[in-house]
Protein backbone atom coordinates (compact mmCIF):
# COMPACT_ATOMS: atom_id res chain seq x y z
CA UNK A 1 0.00 0.00 0.00
CA UNK A 2 1.14 3.48 -0.68
CA UNK A 3 0.00 7.04 -0.64
CA UNK A 4 -0.81 8.63 -3.96
CA UNK A 5 -1.05 12.40 -4.22
CA UNK A 6 -4.58 13.58 -4.80
CA UNK A 7 -6.23 10.27 -3.93
CA UNK A 8 -7.40 11.45 -0.53
CA UNK A 9 -5.78 8.58 1.32
CA UNK A 10 -3.94 5.30 1.04
CA UNK A 11 -4.45 3.33 -2.16
CA UNK A 12 -4.30 -0.41 -2.63
CA UNK A 13 -1.31 -0.25 -4.97
CA UNK A 14 2.21 -0.75 -3.74
CA UNK A 15 4.69 1.97 -4.50
CA UNK A 16 8.00 0.24 -5.28
CA UNK A 17 11.21 1.06 -3.44
CA UNK A 18 13.33 3.79 -4.95
CA UNK A 19 16.40 2.63 -6.77
CA UNK A 20 19.60 3.07 -4.77
CA UNK A 21 21.37 6.35 -5.39
CA UNK A 22 24.93 6.09 -6.66
CA UNK A 23 26.68 7.44 -3.56
CA UNK A 24 24.55 5.26 -1.28
CA UNK A 25 25.56 2.27 -3.39
CA UNK A 26 29.24 3.28 -3.16
CA UNK A 27 28.99 3.47 0.64
CA UNK A 28 27.17 0.13 0.78
CA UNK A 29 29.88 -1.60 -1.28
CA UNK A 30 32.68 -0.03 0.79
CA UNK A 31 31.06 -1.19 4.02
CA UNK A 32 30.35 -4.64 2.61
CA UNK A 33 34.06 -5.00 1.86
CA UNK A 34 34.96 -3.68 5.36
CA UNK A 35 36.82 -0.57 4.22
CA UNK A 36 37.61 1.90 6.98
CA UNK A 37 35.43 4.94 7.59
CA UNK A 38 38.33 7.23 6.64
CA UNK A 39 38.76 5.41 3.31
CA UNK A 40 35.00 5.61 2.71
CA UNK A 41 35.03 9.37 3.25
CA UNK A 42 38.04 9.85 0.98
CA UNK A 43 36.63 7.67 -1.83
CA UNK A 44 33.20 9.33 -1.69
CA UNK A 45 34.91 12.73 -1.85
CA UNK A 46 36.99 11.79 -4.90
CA UNK A 47 34.00 10.25 -6.68
CA UNK A 48 31.96 13.38 -5.99
CA UNK A 49 34.74 15.61 -7.36
CA UNK A 50 34.97 13.44 -10.47
CA UNK A 51 31.22 13.67 -11.10
CA UNK A 52 31.23 17.44 -10.62
CA UNK A 53 34.25 17.86 -12.89
CA UNK A 54 32.43 15.82 -15.54
CA UNK A 55 29.44 18.13 -15.65
CA UNK A 56 27.34 16.08 -13.20
CA UNK A 57 27.01 13.24 -15.69
CA UNK A 58 26.49 9.71 -14.38
CA UNK A 59 29.75 7.72 -14.36
CA UNK A 60 28.16 5.06 -16.62
CA UNK A 61 28.08 7.73 -19.33
CA UNK A 62 31.72 8.64 -18.76
CA UNK A 63 34.58 6.47 -20.02
CA UNK A 64 38.33 6.08 -19.76
CA UNK A 65 39.29 9.32 -21.56
CA UNK A 66 37.31 11.41 -19.05
CA UNK A 67 38.92 9.55 -16.14
CA UNK A 68 42.37 10.17 -17.64
CA UNK A 69 41.53 13.84 -18.16
CA UNK A 70 40.36 14.22 -14.55
CA UNK A 71 43.44 12.50 -13.09
CA UNK A 72 45.78 14.52 -15.32
CA UNK A 73 44.08 17.76 -14.26
CA UNK A 74 44.85 16.90 -10.64
CA UNK A 75 48.56 16.81 -11.43
CA UNK A 76 48.75 19.66 -13.92
CA UNK A 77 46.19 22.24 -12.77
CA UNK A 78 45.76 21.40 -9.08
CA UNK A 79 49.47 20.42 -8.74
CA UNK A 80 48.64 17.52 -6.43
CA UNK A 81 51.25 14.99 -5.40
CA UNK A 82 51.46 11.60 -7.09
CA UNK A 83 50.21 9.86 -3.92
CA UNK A 84 47.09 12.05 -3.90
CA UNK A 85 46.52 11.29 -7.56
CA UNK A 86 46.88 7.56 -6.80
CA UNK A 87 44.22 7.82 -4.09
CA UNK A 88 41.82 9.44 -6.57
CA UNK A 89 42.63 6.70 -9.10
CA UNK A 90 41.90 4.01 -6.50
CA UNK A 91 38.56 5.60 -5.68
CA UNK A 92 37.55 5.76 -9.35
CA UNK A 93 38.69 2.19 -10.01
CA UNK A 94 36.60 1.06 -7.04
CA UNK A 95 33.60 2.94 -8.41
CA UNK A 96 33.87 1.42 -11.87
CA UNK A 97 34.91 -2.13 -10.91
CA UNK A 98 33.03 -2.79 -7.69
CA UNK A 99 29.96 -0.55 -7.88
CA UNK A 100 29.21 -0.22 -11.60
CA UNK A 101 30.84 -3.52 -12.72
CA UNK A 102 32.51 -1.76 -15.64
CA UNK A 103 36.11 -2.39 -16.68
CA UNK A 104 37.92 0.78 -17.65
CA UNK A 105 40.46 0.58 -20.45
CA UNK A 106 44.05 0.75 -19.28
CA UNK A 107 44.83 4.33 -18.31
CA UNK A 108 48.10 5.02 -20.16
CA UNK A 109 47.66 8.71 -20.87
CA UNK A 110 47.49 10.05 -17.31
CA UNK A 111 49.90 12.89 -16.65
CA UNK A 112 51.50 12.62 -13.24
CA UNK A 113 53.23 15.14 -11.06
CA UNK A 114 56.99 14.67 -10.99
CA UNK A 115 57.86 12.72 -7.87
CA UNK A 116 61.17 14.54 -7.53
CA UNK A 117 61.39 18.16 -8.53
CA UNK A 118 64.80 19.52 -7.71
CA UNK A 119 64.85 22.58 -5.50
CA UNK A 120 66.14 25.70 -7.17
CA UNK A 121 69.85 25.98 -6.57
CA UNK A 122 72.06 29.01 -6.16
CA UNK A 123 72.80 31.07 -9.27
CA UNK A 124 75.69 30.04 -11.49
CA UNK A 125 79.05 30.97 -9.98
CA UNK A 126 77.63 31.54 -6.49
CA UNK A 127 80.07 29.25 -4.65
CA UNK A 128 83.08 30.66 -6.50
CA UNK A 129 82.11 34.22 -5.51
CA UNK A 130 81.52 33.24 -1.88
CA UNK A 131 84.89 31.48 -1.81
CA UNK A 132 86.70 34.57 -3.11
CA UNK A 133 84.90 36.83 -0.61
CA UNK A 134 85.78 34.52 2.27
CA UNK A 135 89.41 34.29 1.16
CA UNK A 136 89.75 38.10 0.91
CA UNK A 137 88.08 39.00 4.22
CA UNK A 138 89.01 36.12 6.51
CA UNK A 139 92.74 35.68 6.43
CA UNK A 140 94.21 32.84 8.42
CA UNK A 141 96.62 33.88 11.22
């Protein structure tokens, strides 16, 4: 039995259960697999960011190129570390494999942040100039 608007009461027809919303299904799968609460929060956050970055389209409508574009934008535009990018990748792989049962094509075209960016060094000839200055002003007795 269910309530139908405008009927003046309860009708004899059953109103079916609503289909599970995507994020509720993600949480259900994470809990079913005993992921930690912290991991659940992180994965849900990354999936939400991905959906928003994709124009609020359902992930079933979005394929590998969009996933690659999103992950590359994290490294290039947001300048996030490789480990952060890997966490986002893990969340999206979980979404596609475990929740949607869709295999993504291998993601070869993802741009990553350099894991080692050398710090800027002193200008050319710096140590030679410092050595000369030290030699001129600090004579040894």
